[in-house]
PDB file of N, CA and C in Angstrom:
ATOM      1  N   MET A   1      76.596 106.813  52.008  1.00  0.00           N
ATOM      2  CA  MET A   1      77.840 107.147  52.689  1.00  0.00           C
ATOM      3  C   MET A   1      77.567 107.561  54.129  1.00  0.00           C
ATOM      4  N   SER A   2      76.484 108.325  54.320  1.00  0.00           N
ATOM      5  CA  SER A   2      76.182 108.789  55.675  1.00  0.00           C
ATOM      6  C   SER A   2      75.806 107.623  56.590  1.00  0.00           C
ATOM      7  N   ASP A   3      75.179 106.556  56.034  1.00  0.00           N
ATOM      8  CA  ASP A   3      74.875 105.367  56.833  1.00  0.00           C
ATOM      9  C   ASP A   3      76.163 104.703  57.316  1.00  0.00           C
ATOM     10  N   PHE A   4      77.141 104.657  56.424  1.00  0.00           N
ATOM     11  CA  PHE A   4      78.430 104.075  56.792  1.00  0.00           C
ATOM     12  C   PHE A   4      79.083 104.869  57.922  1.00  0.00           C
ATOM     13  N   VAL A   5      79.074 106.174  57.822  1.00  0.00           N
ATOM     14  CA  VAL A   5      79.664 107.040  58.852  1.00  0.00           C
ATOM     15  C   VAL A   5      78.935 106.848  60.180  1.00  0.00           C
ATOM     16  N   GLU A   6      77.614 106.765  60.124  1.00  0.00           N
ATOM     17  CA  GLU A   6      76.828 106.559  61.347  1.00  0.00           C
ATOM     18  C   GLU A   6      77.146 105.210  61.986  1.00  0.00           C
ATOM     19  N   SER A   7      77.282 104.176  61.167  1.00  0.00           N
ATOM     20  CA  SER A   7      77.595 102.855  61.727  1.00  0.00           C
ATOM     21  C   SER A   7      78.999 102.836  62.336  1.00  0.00           C
ATOM     22  N   VAL A   8      79.946 103.540  61.732  1.00  0.00           N
ATOM     23  CA  VAL A   8      81.293 103.646  62.303  1.00  0.00           C
ATOM     24  C   VAL A   8      81.238 104.401  63.628  1.00  0.00           C
ATOM     25  N   LYS A   9      80.453 105.459  63.698  1.00  0.00           N
ATOM     26  CA  LYS A   9      80.305 106.222  64.948  1.00  0.00           C
ATOM     27  C   LYS A   9      79.713 105.345  66.049  1.00  0.00           C
ATOM     28  N   ARG A  10      78.650 104.595  65.690  1.00  0.00           N
ATOM     29  CA  ARG A  10      78.010 103.709  66.666  1.00  0.00           C
ATOM     30  C   ARG A  10      78.991 102.655  67.174  1.00  0.00           C
ATOM     31  N   PHE A  11      79.728 102.055  66.238  1.00  0.00           N
ATOM     32  CA  PHE A  11      80.706 101.032  66.599  1.00  0.00           C
ATOM     33  C   PHE A  11      81.771 101.603  67.531  1.00  0.00           C
ATOM     34  N   SER A  12      82.301 102.767  67.189  1.00  0.00           N
ATOM     35  CA  SER A  12      83.362 103.358  68.017  1.00  0.00           C
ATOM     36  C   SER A  12      82.825 103.761  69.388  1.00  0.00           C
ATOM     37  N   LYS A  13      81.568 104.183  69.449  1.00  0.00           N
ATOM     38  CA  LYS A  13      80.967 104.545  70.736  1.00  0.00           C
ATOM     39  C   LYS A  13      80.861 103.312  71.636  1.00  0.00           C
ATOM     40  N   HIS A  14      80.395 102.182  71.065  1.00  0.00           N
ATOM     41  CA  HIS A  14      80.300 100.938  71.835  1.00  0.00           C
ATOM     42  C   HIS A  14      81.682 100.436  72.241  1.00  0.00           C
ATOM     43  N   LEU A  15      82.632 100.545  71.325  1.00  0.00           N
ATOM     44  CA  LEU A  15      83.996 100.108  71.611  1.00  0.00           C
ATOM     45  C   LEU A  15      84.595 100.927  72.747  1.00  0.00           C
ATOM     46  N   THR A  16      84.395 102.229  72.726  1.00  0.00           N
ATOM     47  CA  THR A  16      84.892 103.106  73.790  1.00  0.00           C
ATOM     48  C   THR A  16      84.259 102.742  75.122  1.00  0.00           C
ATOM     49  N   SER A  17      82.964 102.470  75.105  1.00  0.00           N
ATOM     50  CA  SER A  17      82.261 102.076  76.329  1.00  0.00           C
ATOM     51  C   SER A  17      82.808 100.760  76.870  1.00  0.00           C
ATOM     52  N   ASP A  18      83.027  99.779  75.977  1.00  0.00           N
ATOM     53  CA  ASP A  18      83.564  98.482  76.396  1.00  0.00           C
ATOM     54  C   ASP A  18      84.971  98.617  76.968  1.00  0.00           C
ATOM     55  N   ILE A  19      85.800  99.441  76.366  1.00  0.00           N
ATOM     56  CA  ILE A  19      87.160  99.662  76.877  1.00  0.00           C
ATOM     57  C   ILE A  19      87.103 100.316  78.249  1.00  0.00           C
ATOM     58  N   GLY A  20      86.197 101.275  78.424  1.00  0.00           N
ATOM     59  CA  GLY A  20      86.027 101.913  79.732  1.00  0.00           C
ATOM     60  C   GLY A  20      85.622 100.915  80.796  1.00  0.00           C
ATOM     61  N   THR A  21      84.733  99.999  80.453  1.00  0.00           N
ATOM     62  CA  THR A  21      84.310  98.957  81.392  1.00  0.00           C
ATOM     63  C   THR A  21      85.474  98.046  81.739  1.00  0.00           C
ATOM     64  N   MET A  22      86.277  97.669  80.741  1.00  0.00           N
ATOM     65  CA  MET A  22      87.430  96.805  80.999  1.00  0.00           C
ATOM     66  C   MET A  22      88.432  97.489  81.923  1.00  0.00           C
ATOM     67  N   ILE A  23      88.680  98.765  81.708  1.00  0.00           N
ATOM     68  CA  ILE A  23      89.614  99.501  82.564  1.00  0.00           C
ATOM     69  C   ILE A  23      89.077  99.568  83.983  1.00  0.00           C
ATOM     70  N   LYS A  24      87.795  99.829  84.121  1.00  0.00           N
ATOM     71  CA  LYS A  24      87.175  99.890  85.447  1.00  0.00           C
ATOM     72  C   LYS A  24      87.302  98.548  86.159  1.00  0.00           C
ATOM     73  N   ASP A  25      87.116  97.440  85.406  1.00  0.00           N
ATOM     74  CA  ASP A  25      87.223  96.108  85.992  1.00  0.00           C
ATOM     75  C   ASP A  25      88.632  95.799  86.468  1.00  0.00           C
ATOM     76  N   HIS A  26      89.632  96.444  85.886  1.00  0.00           N
ATOM     77  CA  HIS A  26      91.009  96.152  86.264  1.00  0.00           C
ATOM     78  C   HIS A  26      91.526  97.047  87.388  1.00  0.00           C
ATOM     79  N   GLN A  27      90.711  97.955  87.881  1.00  0.00           N
ATOM     80  CA  GLN A  27      91.111  98.776  89.017  1.00  0.00           C
ATOM     81  C   GLN A  27      90.830  97.977  90.286  1.00  0.00           C
ATOM     82  N   HIS A  28      91.805  97.929  91.169  1.00  0.00           N
ATOM     83  CA  HIS A  28      91.682  97.120  92.378  1.00  0.00           C
ATOM     84  C   HIS A  28      91.985  97.943  93.621  1.00  0.00           C
ATOM     85  N   LYS A  29      91.544  97.420  94.737  1.00  0.00           N
ATOM     86  CA  LYS A  29      91.816  98.022  96.033  1.00  0.00           C
ATOM     87  C   LYS A  29      92.223  96.892  96.971  1.00  0.00           C
ATOM     88  N   LYS A  30      93.151  97.176  97.859  1.00  0.00           N
ATOM     89  CA  LYS A  30      93.617  96.155  98.800  1.00  0.00           C
ATOM     90  C   LYS A  30      92.774  96.189 100.074  1.00  0.00           C
ATOM     91  N   ILE A  31      92.389  94.989 100.532  1.00  0.00           N
ATOM     92  CA  ILE A  31      91.656  94.813 101.786  1.00  0.00           C
ATOM     93  C   ILE A  31      92.420  93.780 102.602  1.00  0.00           C
ATOM     94  N   GLU A  32      92.591  94.045 103.876  1.00  0.00           N
ATOM     95  CA  GLU A  32      93.293  93.104 104.754  1.00  0.00           C
ATOM     96  C   GLU A  32      92.554  91.763 104.778  1.00  0.00           C
ATOM     97  N   PHE A  33      93.311  90.674 104.829  1.00  0.00           N
ATOM     98  CA  PHE A  33      92.752  89.321 104.812  1.00  0.00           C
ATOM     99  C   PHE A  33      91.708  89.148 105.912  1.00  0.00           C
ATOM    100  N   GLN A  34      92.062  89.481 107.153  1.00  0.00           N
ATOM    101  CA  GLN A  34      91.136  89.292 108.280  1.00  0.00           C
ATOM    102  C   GLN A  34      89.906  90.182 108.155  1.00  0.00           C
ATOM    103  N   ASP A  35      90.068  91.387 107.609  1.00  0.00           N
ATOM    104  CA  ASP A  35      88.915  92.267 107.395  1.00  0.00           C
ATOM    105  C   ASP A  35      87.956  91.651 106.386  1.00  0.00           C
ATOM    106  N   LEU A  36      88.505  91.067 105.342  1.00  0.00           N
ATOM    107  CA  LEU A  36      87.666  90.442 104.328  1.00  0.00           C
ATOM    108  C   LEU A  36      86.909  89.250 104.913  1.00  0.00           C
ATOM    109  N   VAL A  37      87.583  88.457 105.728  1.00  0.00           N
ATOM    110  CA  VAL A  37      86.924  87.331 106.395  1.00  0.00           C
ATOM    111  C   VAL A  37      85.763  87.841 107.243  1.00  0.00           C
ATOM    112  N   TYR A  38      86.011  88.871 108.042  1.00  0.00           N
ATOM    113  CA  TYR A  38      84.965  89.441 108.894  1.00  0.00           C
ATOM    114  C   TYR A  38      83.802  89.969 108.060  1.00  0.00           C
ATOM    115  N   LEU A  39      84.106  90.668 106.976  1.00  0.00           N
ATOM    116  CA  LEU A  39      83.056  91.240 106.137  1.00  0.00           C
ATOM    117  C   LEU A  39      82.190  90.156 105.502  1.00  0.00           C
ATOM    118  N   ILE A  40      82.799  89.070 105.068  1.00  0.00           N
ATOM    119  CA  ILE A  40      82.020  87.965 104.497  1.00  0.00           C
ATOM    120  C   ILE A  40      81.136  87.341 105.573  1.00  0.00           C
ATOM    121  N   MET A  41      81.700  87.097 106.748  1.00  0.00           N
ATOM    122  CA  MET A  41      80.949  86.441 107.820  1.00  0.00           C
ATOM    123  C   MET A  41      79.798  87.301 108.340  1.00  0.00           C
ATOM    124  N   SER A  42      79.955  88.607 108.321  1.00  0.00           N
ATOM    125  CA  SER A  42      78.963  89.472 108.960  1.00  0.00           C
ATOM    126  C   SER A  42      78.003  90.171 107.994  1.00  0.00           C
ATOM    127  N   HIS A  43      78.197  89.994 106.696  1.00  0.00           N
ATOM    128  CA  HIS A  43      77.323  90.678 105.734  1.00  0.00           C
ATOM    129  C   HIS A  43      75.901  90.130 105.842  1.00  0.00           C
ATOM    130  N   GLU A  44      74.925  91.014 105.753  1.00  0.00           N
ATOM    131  CA  GLU A  44      73.525  90.610 105.910  1.00  0.00           C
ATOM    132  C   GLU A  44      73.040  89.686 104.795  1.00  0.00           C
ATOM    133  N   LYS A  45      73.686  89.704 103.638  1.00  0.00           N
ATOM    134  CA  LYS A  45      73.275  88.849 102.521  1.00  0.00           C
ATOM    135  C   LYS A  45      74.014  87.511 102.491  1.00  0.00           C
ATOM    136  N   THR A  46      74.893  87.274 103.442  1.00  0.00           N
ATOM    137  CA  THR A  46      75.663  86.035 103.466  1.00  0.00           C
ATOM    138  C   THR A  46      74.771  84.866 103.865  1.00  0.00           C
ATOM    139  N   ARG A  47      74.831  83.804 103.072  1.00  0.00           N
ATOM    140  CA  ARG A  47      74.122  82.561 103.417  1.00  0.00           C
ATOM    141  C   ARG A  47      75.096  81.683 104.193  1.00  0.00           C
ATOM    142  N   ILE A  48      74.644  81.172 105.324  1.00  0.00           N
ATOM    143  CA  ILE A  48      75.507  80.395 106.213  1.00  0.00           C
ATOM    144  C   ILE A  48      74.922  78.996 106.363  1.00  0.00           C
ATOM    145  N   SER A  49      75.783  77.993 106.207  1.00  0.00           N
ATOM    146  CA  SER A  49      75.365  76.614 106.471  1.00  0.00           C
ATOM    147  C   SER A  49      76.465  75.929 107.274  1.00  0.00           C
ATOM    148  N   SER A  50      76.044  75.123 108.256  1.00  0.00           N
ATOM    149  CA  SER A  50      77.000  74.420 109.123  1.00  0.00           C
ATOM    150  C   SER A  50      76.702  72.931 109.118  1.00  0.00           C
ATOM    151  N   ARG A  51      77.772  72.149 109.268  1.00  0.00           N
ATOM    152  CA  ARG A  51      77.644  70.693 109.361  1.00  0.00           C
ATOM    153  C   ARG A  51      78.554  70.193 110.471  1.00  0.00           C
ATOM    154  N   LEU A  52      78.106  69.165 111.146  1.00  0.00           N
ATOM    155  CA  LEU A  52      78.917  68.515 112.172  1.00  0.00           C
ATOM    156  C   LEU A  52      79.454  67.217 111.578  1.00  0.00           C
ATOM    157  N   LEU A  53      80.766  67.136 111.425  1.00  0.00           N
ATOM    158  CA  LEU A  53      81.415  65.948 110.879  1.00  0.00           C
ATOM    159  C   LEU A  53      82.551  65.538 111.801  1.00  0.00           C
ATOM    160  N   LEU A  54      82.502  64.306 112.283  1.00  0.00           N
ATOM    161  CA  LEU A  54      83.538  63.779 113.175  1.00  0.00           C
ATOM    162  C   LEU A  54      83.804  64.723 114.350  1.00  0.00           C
ATOM    163  N   LYS A  55      82.740  65.200 114.961  1.00  0.00           N
ATOM    164  CA  LYS A  55      82.775  66.092 116.126  1.00  0.00           C
ATOM    165  C   LYS A  55      83.391  67.461 115.835  1.00  0.00           C
ATOM    166  N   ASN A  56      83.497  67.820 114.583  1.00  0.00           N
ATOM    167  CA  ASN A  56      83.974  69.146 114.187  1.00  0.00           C
ATOM    168  C   ASN A  56      82.862  69.877 113.445  1.00  0.00           C
ATOM    169  N   VAL A  57      82.720  71.161 113.723  1.00  0.00           N
ATOM    170  CA  VAL A  57      81.729  71.983 113.028  1.00  0.00           C
ATOM    171  C   VAL A  57      82.410  72.655 111.836  1.00  0.00           C
ATOM    172  N   TYR A  58      81.858  72.417 110.647  1.00  0.00           N
ATOM    173  CA  TYR A  58      82.342  73.046 109.424  1.00  0.00           C
ATOM    174  C   TYR A  58      81.262  74.016 108.948  1.00  0.00           C
ATOM    175  N   THR A  59      81.663  75.256 108.717  1.00  0.00           N
ATOM    176  CA  THR A  59      80.706  76.286 108.319  1.00  0.00           C
ATOM    177  C   THR A  59      81.109  76.864 106.969  1.00  0.00           C
ATOM    178  N   THR A  60      80.116  77.036 106.114  1.00  0.00           N
ATOM    179  CA  THR A  60      80.317  77.627 104.795  1.00  0.00           C
ATOM    180  C   THR A  60      79.542  78.936 104.728  1.00  0.00           C
ATOM    181  N   TYR A  61      80.218  79.985 104.275  1.00  0.00           N
ATOM    182  CA  TYR A  61      79.617  81.309 104.095  1.00  0.00           C
ATOM    183  C   TYR A  61      79.666  81.621 102.606  1.00  0.00           C
ATOM    184  N   VAL A  62      78.521  81.942 102.026  1.00  0.00           N
ATOM    185  CA  VAL A  62      78.459  82.280 100.606  1.00  0.00           C
ATOM    186  C   VAL A  62      77.779  83.638 100.478  1.00  0.00           C
ATOM    187  N   LEU A  63      78.465  84.554  99.808  1.00  0.00           N
ATOM    188  CA  LEU A  63      77.953  85.907  99.626  1.00  0.00           C
ATOM    189  C   LEU A  63      77.980  86.242  98.139  1.00  0.00           C
ATOM    190  N   HIS A  64      76.804  86.571  97.598  1.00  0.00           N
ATOM    191  CA  HIS A  64      76.702  86.977  96.196  1.00  0.00           C
ATOM    192  C   HIS A  64      76.427  88.472  96.145  1.00  0.00           C
ATOM    193  N   LEU A  65      77.365  89.211  95.582  1.00  0.00           N
ATOM    194  CA  LEU A  65      77.212  90.647  95.330  1.00  0.00           C
ATOM    195  C   LEU A  65      77.457  90.828  93.839  1.00  0.00           C
ATOM    196  N   PHE A  66      76.389  90.777  93.066  1.00  0.00           N
ATOM    197  CA  PHE A  66      76.486  90.748  91.609  1.00  0.00           C
ATOM    198  C   PHE A  66      77.486  91.767  91.090  1.00  0.00           C
ATOM    199  N   PRO A  67      78.405  91.367  90.255  1.00  0.00           N
ATOM    200  CA  PRO A  67      78.626  90.074  89.628  1.00  0.00           C
ATOM    201  C   PRO A  67      79.649  89.207  90.372  1.00  0.00           C
ATOM    202  N   TYR A  68      79.886  89.509  91.640  1.00  0.00           N
ATOM    203  CA  TYR A  68      80.920  88.804  92.396  1.00  0.00           C
ATOM    204  C   TYR A  68      80.312  87.762  93.335  1.00  0.00           C
ATOM    205  N   SER A  69      81.091  86.711  93.581  1.00  0.00           N
ATOM    206  CA  SER A  69      80.702  85.664  94.510  1.00  0.00           C
ATOM    207  C   SER A  69      81.869  85.427  95.467  1.00  0.00           C
ATOM    208  N   LEU A  70      81.573  85.427  96.781  1.00  0.00           N
ATOM    209  CA  LEU A  70      82.596  85.209  97.800  1.00  0.00           C
ATOM    210  C   LEU A  70      82.227  83.953  98.572  1.00  0.00           C
ATOM    211  N   HIS A  71      83.195  83.096  98.786  1.00  0.00           N
ATOM    212  CA  HIS A  71      82.970  81.795  99.402  1.00  0.00           C
ATOM    213  C   HIS A  71      84.020  81.607 100.499  1.00  0.00           C
ATOM    214  N   LEU A  72      83.568  81.291 101.705  1.00  0.00           N
ATOM    215  CA  LEU A  72      84.474  81.117 102.842  1.00  0.00           C
ATOM    216  C   LEU A  72      84.093  79.843 103.575  1.00  0.00           C
ATOM    217  N   GLU A  73      85.081  79.021 103.908  1.00  0.00           N
ATOM    218  CA  GLU A  73      84.847  77.806 104.684  1.00  0.00           C
ATOM    219  C   GLU A  73      85.699  77.853 105.937  1.00  0.00           C
ATOM    220  N   THR A  74      85.079  77.498 107.086  1.00  0.00           N
ATOM    221  CA  THR A  74      85.793  77.488 108.361  1.00  0.00           C
ATOM    222  C   THR A  74      85.545  76.174 109.092  1.00  0.00           C
ATOM    223  N   LYS A  75      86.411  75.913 110.060  1.00  0.00           N
ATOM    224  CA  LYS A  75      86.281  74.735 110.915  1.00  0.00           C
ATOM    225  C   LYS A  75      86.340  75.214 112.356  1.00  0.00           C
ATOM    226  N   GLY A  76      85.380  74.767 113.180  1.00  0.00           N
ATOM    227  CA  GLY A  76      85.377  75.133 114.588  1.00  0.00           C
ATOM    228  C   GLY A  76      84.245  76.074 114.929  1.00  0.00           C
ATOM    229  N   ASP A  77      83.936  76.145 116.236  1.00  0.00           N
ATOM    230  CA  ASP A  77      82.825  76.972 116.714  1.00  0.00           C
ATOM    231  C   ASP A  77      83.274  78.340 117.185  1.00  0.00           C
ATOM    232  N   ASN A  78      83.955  78.368 118.326  1.00  0.00           N
ATOM    233  CA  ASN A  78      84.272  79.632 118.991  1.00  0.00           C
ATOM    234  C   ASN A  78      85.352  80.435 118.283  1.00  0.00           C
ATOM    235  N   HIS A  79      86.441  79.804 117.945  1.00  0.00           N
ATOM    236  CA  HIS A  79      87.544  80.469 117.246  1.00  0.00           C
ATOM    237  C   HIS A  79      87.812  79.682 115.965  1.00  0.00           C
ATOM    238  N   PRO A  80      87.012  79.944 114.930  1.00  0.00           N
ATOM    239  CA  PRO A  80      87.107  79.113 113.732  1.00  0.00           C
ATOM    240  C   PRO A  80      88.443  79.255 113.006  1.00  0.00           C
ATOM    241  N   ILE A  81      88.848  78.164 112.413  1.00  0.00           N
ATOM    242  CA  ILE A  81      90.040  78.126 111.572  1.00  0.00           C
ATOM    243  C   ILE A  81      89.571  78.294 110.131  1.00  0.00           C
ATOM    244  N   ILE A  82      90.183  79.189 109.405  1.00  0.00           N
ATOM    245  CA  ILE A  82      89.796  79.422 108.015  1.00  0.00           C
ATOM    246  C   ILE A  82      90.418  78.329 107.155  1.00  0.00           C
ATOM    247  N   LEU A  83      89.571  77.610 106.434  1.00  0.00           N
ATOM    248  CA  LEU A  83      90.044  76.540 105.571  1.00  0.00           C
ATOM    249  C   LEU A  83      90.226  76.993 104.127  1.00  0.00           C
ATOM    250  N   GLN A  84      89.290  77.817 103.655  1.00  0.00           N
ATOM    251  CA  GLN A  84      89.350  78.231 102.252  1.00  0.00           C
ATOM    252  C   GLN A  84      88.580  79.533 102.048  1.00  0.00           C
ATOM    253  N   MET A  85      89.090  80.365 101.138  1.00  0.00           N
ATOM    254  CA  MET A  85      88.375  81.567 100.719  1.00  0.00           C
ATOM    255  C   MET A  85      88.544  81.710  99.209  1.00  0.00           C
ATOM    256  N   LYS A  86      87.416  81.984  98.525  1.00  0.00           N
ATOM    257  CA  LYS A  86      87.442  82.182  97.075  1.00  0.00           C
ATOM    258  C   LYS A  86      86.628  83.419  96.734  1.00  0.00           C
ATOM    259  N   ILE A  87      87.137  84.191  95.797  1.00  0.00           N
ATOM    260  CA  ILE A  87      86.412  85.333  95.252  1.00  0.00           C
ATOM    261  C   ILE A  87      86.428  85.162  93.740  1.00  0.00           C
ATOM    262  N   SER A  88      85.249  85.259  93.132  1.00  0.00           N
ATOM    263  CA  SER A  88      85.178  85.120  91.678  1.00  0.00           C
ATOM    264  C   SER A  88      84.129  86.063  91.114  1.00  0.00           C
ATOM    265  N   SER A  89      84.266  86.311  89.834  1.00  0.00           N
ATOM    266  CA  SER A  89      83.235  87.052  89.109  1.00  0.00           C
ATOM    267  C   SER A  89      82.606  86.058  88.145  1.00  0.00           C
ATOM    268  N   GLN A  90      81.697  86.523  87.333  1.00  0.00           N
ATOM    269  CA  GLN A  90      81.067  85.618  86.376  1.00  0.00           C
ATOM    270  C   GLN A  90      82.072  85.097  85.360  1.00  0.00           C
ATOM    271  N   GLU A  91      83.119  85.869  85.100  1.00  0.00           N
ATOM    272  CA  GLU A  91      84.070  85.501  84.058  1.00  0.00           C
ATOM    273  C   GLU A  91      85.281  84.723  84.562  1.00  0.00           C
ATOM    274  N   LYS A  92      85.711  84.975  85.817  1.00  0.00           N
ATOM    275  CA  LYS A  92      86.997  84.406  86.235  1.00  0.00           C
ATOM    276  C   LYS A  92      87.123  84.325  87.757  1.00  0.00           C
ATOM    277  N   LYS A  93      88.120  83.548  88.183  1.00  0.00           N
ATOM    278  CA  LYS A  93      88.485  83.515  89.599  1.00  0.00           C
ATOM    279  C   LYS A  93      89.377  84.712  89.874  1.00  0.00           C
ATOM    280  N   ILE A  94      89.056  85.448  90.928  1.00  0.00           N
ATOM    281  CA  ILE A  94      89.829  86.631  91.278  1.00  0.00           C
ATOM    282  C   ILE A  94      90.868  86.295  92.337  1.00  0.00           C
ATOM    283  N   PHE A  95      90.469  85.456  93.307  1.00  0.00           N
ATOM    284  CA  PHE A  95      91.361  85.133  94.414  1.00  0.00           C
ATOM    285  C   PHE A  95      90.969  83.773  94.972  1.00  0.00           C
ATOM    286  N   VAL A  96      91.964  82.932  95.244  1.00  0.00           N
ATOM    287  CA  VAL A  96      91.724  81.638  95.888  1.00  0.00           C
ATOM    288  C   VAL A  96      92.780  81.455  96.959  1.00  0.00           C
ATOM    289  N   TRP A  97      92.337  81.107  98.162  1.00  0.00           N
ATOM    290  CA  TRP A  97      93.249  80.866  99.273  1.00  0.00           C
ATOM    291  C   TRP A  97      92.843  79.565  99.955  1.00  0.00           C
ATOM    292  N   ASN A  98      93.816  78.682 100.186  1.00  0.00           N
ATOM    293  CA  ASN A  98      93.586  77.413 100.876  1.00  0.00           C
ATOM    294  C   ASN A  98      94.532  77.313 102.056  1.00  0.00           C
ATOM    295  N   SER A  99      94.036  76.868 103.187  1.00  0.00           N
ATOM    296  CA  SER A  99      94.870  76.797 104.389  1.00  0.00           C
ATOM    297  C   SER A  99      96.011  75.797 104.240  1.00  0.00           C
ATOM    298  N   TYR A 100      95.809  74.741 103.478  1.00  0.00           N
ATOM    299  CA  TYR A 100      96.848  73.730 103.328  1.00  0.00           C
ATOM    300  C   TYR A 100      97.963  74.165 102.380  1.00  0.00           C
ATOM    301  N   ASN A 101      97.749  75.197 101.591  1.00  0.00           N
ATOM    302  CA  ASN A 101      98.757  75.673 100.640  1.00  0.00           C
ATOM    303  C   ASN A 101      99.431  76.971 101.040  1.00  0.00           C
ATOM    304  N   ASN A 102      98.710  77.823 101.711  1.00  0.00           N
ATOM    305  CA  ASN A 102      99.160  79.198 101.886  1.00  0.00           C
ATOM    306  C   ASN A 102      99.135  79.645 103.338  1.00  0.00           C
ATOM    307  N   GLN A 103      99.932  80.666 103.596  1.00  0.00           N
ATOM    308  CA  GLN A 103      99.820  81.376 104.861  1.00  0.00           C
ATOM    309  C   GLN A 103      98.864  82.529 104.635  1.00  0.00           C
ATOM    310  N   LYS A 104      98.258  83.002 105.714  1.00  0.00           N
ATOM    311  CA  LYS A 104      97.309  84.104 105.583  1.00  0.00           C
ATOM    312  C   LYS A 104      98.019  85.324 105.022  1.00  0.00           C
ATOM    313  N   GLY A 105      97.428  85.876 103.987  1.00  0.00           N
ATOM    314  CA  GLY A 105      97.991  87.065 103.370  1.00  0.00           C
ATOM    315  C   GLY A 105      97.676  88.305 104.180  1.00  0.00           C
ATOM    316  N   LYS A 106      98.457  89.324 103.961  1.00  0.00           N
ATOM    317  CA  LYS A 106      98.224  90.587 104.666  1.00  0.00           C
ATOM    318  C   LYS A 106      97.114  91.369 104.001  1.00  0.00           C
ATOM    319  N   ALA A 107      97.173  91.489 102.694  1.00  0.00           N
ATOM    320  CA  ALA A 107      96.147  92.249 101.981  1.00  0.00           C
ATOM    321  C   ALA A 107      95.820  91.541 100.675  1.00  0.00           C
ATOM    322  N   ILE A 108      94.558  91.633 100.304  1.00  0.00           N
ATOM    323  CA  ILE A 108      94.070  90.995  99.093  1.00  0.00           C
ATOM    324  C   ILE A 108      93.625  92.089  98.133  1.00  0.00           C
ATOM    325  N   SER A 109      94.013  91.947  96.898  1.00  0.00           N
ATOM    326  CA  SER A 109      93.619  92.908  95.878  1.00  0.00           C
ATOM    327  C   SER A 109      92.274  92.473  95.294  1.00  0.00           C
ATOM    328  N   VAL A 110      91.238  93.291  95.508  1.00  0.00           N
ATOM    329  CA  VAL A 110      89.900  92.986  94.999  1.00  0.00           C
ATOM    330  C   VAL A 110      89.442  94.117  94.075  1.00  0.00           C
ATOM    331  N   PRO A 111      88.541  93.823  93.147  1.00  0.00           N
ATOM    332  CA  PRO A 111      88.039  94.885  92.265  1.00  0.00           C
ATOM    333  C   PRO A 111      87.424  96.032  93.076  1.00  0.00           C
ATOM    334  N   LYS A 112      87.657  97.253  92.621  1.00  0.00           N
ATOM    335  CA  LYS A 112      87.176  98.433  93.349  1.00  0.00           C
ATOM    336  C   LYS A 112      85.676  98.414  93.623  1.00  0.00           C
ATOM    337  N   PRO A 113      84.819  98.017  92.667  1.00  0.00           N
ATOM    338  CA  PRO A 113      83.382  98.012  92.983  1.00  0.00           C
ATOM    339  C   PRO A 113      83.036  97.072  94.138  1.00  0.00           C
ATOM    340  N   LEU A 114      83.687  95.911  94.193  1.00  0.00           N
ATOM    341  CA  LEU A 114      83.455  94.974  95.289  1.00  0.00           C
ATOM    342  C   LEU A 114      83.981  95.543  96.596  1.00  0.00           C
ATOM    343  N   ALA A 115      85.168  96.118  96.569  1.00  0.00           N
ATOM    344  CA  ALA A 115      85.748  96.725  97.776  1.00  0.00           C
ATOM    345  C   ALA A 115      84.844  97.827  98.305  1.00  0.00           C
ATOM    346  N   ALA A 116      84.302  98.647  97.415  1.00  0.00           N
ATOM    347  CA  ALA A 116      83.418  99.740  97.840  1.00  0.00           C
ATOM    348  C   ALA A 116      82.177  99.197  98.531  1.00  0.00           C
ATOM    349  N   GLU A 117      81.603  98.126  97.986  1.00  0.00           N
ATOM    350  CA  GLU A 117      80.415  97.504  98.586  1.00  0.00           C
ATOM    351  C   GLU A 117      80.731  96.959  99.976  1.00  0.00           C
ATOM    352  N   LEU A 118      81.853  96.264 100.105  1.00  0.00           N
ATOM    353  CA  LEU A 118      82.226  95.674 101.394  1.00  0.00           C
ATOM    354  C   LEU A 118      82.597  96.742 102.418  1.00  0.00           C
ATOM    355  N   ILE A 119      83.332  97.753 101.993  1.00  0.00           N
ATOM    356  CA  ILE A 119      83.760  98.811 102.914  1.00  0.00           C
ATOM    357  C   ILE A 119      82.571  99.646 103.371  1.00  0.00           C
ATOM    358  N   SER A 120      81.595  99.867 102.492  1.00  0.00           N
ATOM    359  CA  SER A 120      80.408 100.633 102.902  1.00  0.00           C
ATOM    360  C   SER A 120      79.654  99.897 103.997  1.00  0.00           C
ATOM    361  N   LEU A 121      79.621  98.566 103.933  1.00  0.00           N
ATOM    362  CA  LEU A 121      78.990  97.778 104.991  1.00  0.00           C
ATOM    363  C   LEU A 121      79.740  97.961 106.295  1.00  0.00           C
ATOM    364  N   GLN A 122      81.070  97.869 106.241  1.00  0.00           N
ATOM    365  CA  GLN A 122      81.888  97.998 107.441  1.00  0.00           C
ATOM    366  C   GLN A 122      81.703  99.376 108.070  1.00  0.00           C
ATOM    367  N   GLN A 123      81.661 100.411 107.261  1.00  0.00           N
ATOM    368  CA  GLN A 123      81.496 101.767 107.785  1.00  0.00           C
ATOM    369  C   GLN A 123      80.113 101.965 108.384  1.00  0.00           C
ATOM    370  N   SER A 124      79.082 101.392 107.776  1.00  0.00           N
ATOM    371  CA  SER A 124      77.737 101.549 108.330  1.00  0.00           C
ATOM    372  C   SER A 124      77.615 100.814 109.657  1.00  0.00           C
ATOM    373  N   GLU A 125      78.319  99.678 109.810  1.00  0.00           N
ATOM    374  CA  GLU A 125      78.301  98.964 111.089  1.00  0.00           C
ATOM    375  C   GLU A 125      79.041  99.750 112.157  1.00  0.00           C
ATOM    376  N   ASN A 126      80.111 100.445 111.785  1.00  0.00           N
ATOM    377  CA  ASN A 126      80.862 101.243 112.748  1.00  0.00           C
ATOM    378  C   ASN A 126      80.047 102.423 113.253  1.00  0.00           C
ATOM    379  N   LEU A 127      79.115 102.918 112.439  1.00  0.00           N
ATOM    380  CA  LEU A 127      78.285 104.046 112.847  1.00  0.00           C
ATOM    381  C   LEU A 127      77.226 103.637 113.859  1.00  0.00           C
ATOM    382  N   HIS A 128      76.808 102.369 113.843  1.00  0.00           N
ATOM    383  CA  HIS A 128      75.734 101.918 114.732  1.00  0.00           C
ATOM    384  C   HIS A 128      76.256 101.424 116.038  1.00  0.00           C
TER     385      HIS A 128
END
């Protein structure tokens, strides 16, 4: 009987932990669209690749902040036009924006852990 009680305790402990993780994952913070673009472009871990096609420069920015992935595509050199932005986690797409479908949003709701990581970068840059 005591083994059964212990297994129920273990199960409920894991279940409580999993529910806590799910709740944490559903907490979001809003970040301005342009701020998010800047943070992706300027993050030290961002991988940048550019291509010249039909006399236009297309640049792709990819930033992996486990478990999140941020993807930004632009066109142009000096004042780039944003073509696409995607934010996803390992499980799902969090945000997708395409220039041909949407107008630039004012604020984007991102998971709090990702927002904290991005905002800490912005604050450390402001200090320097």
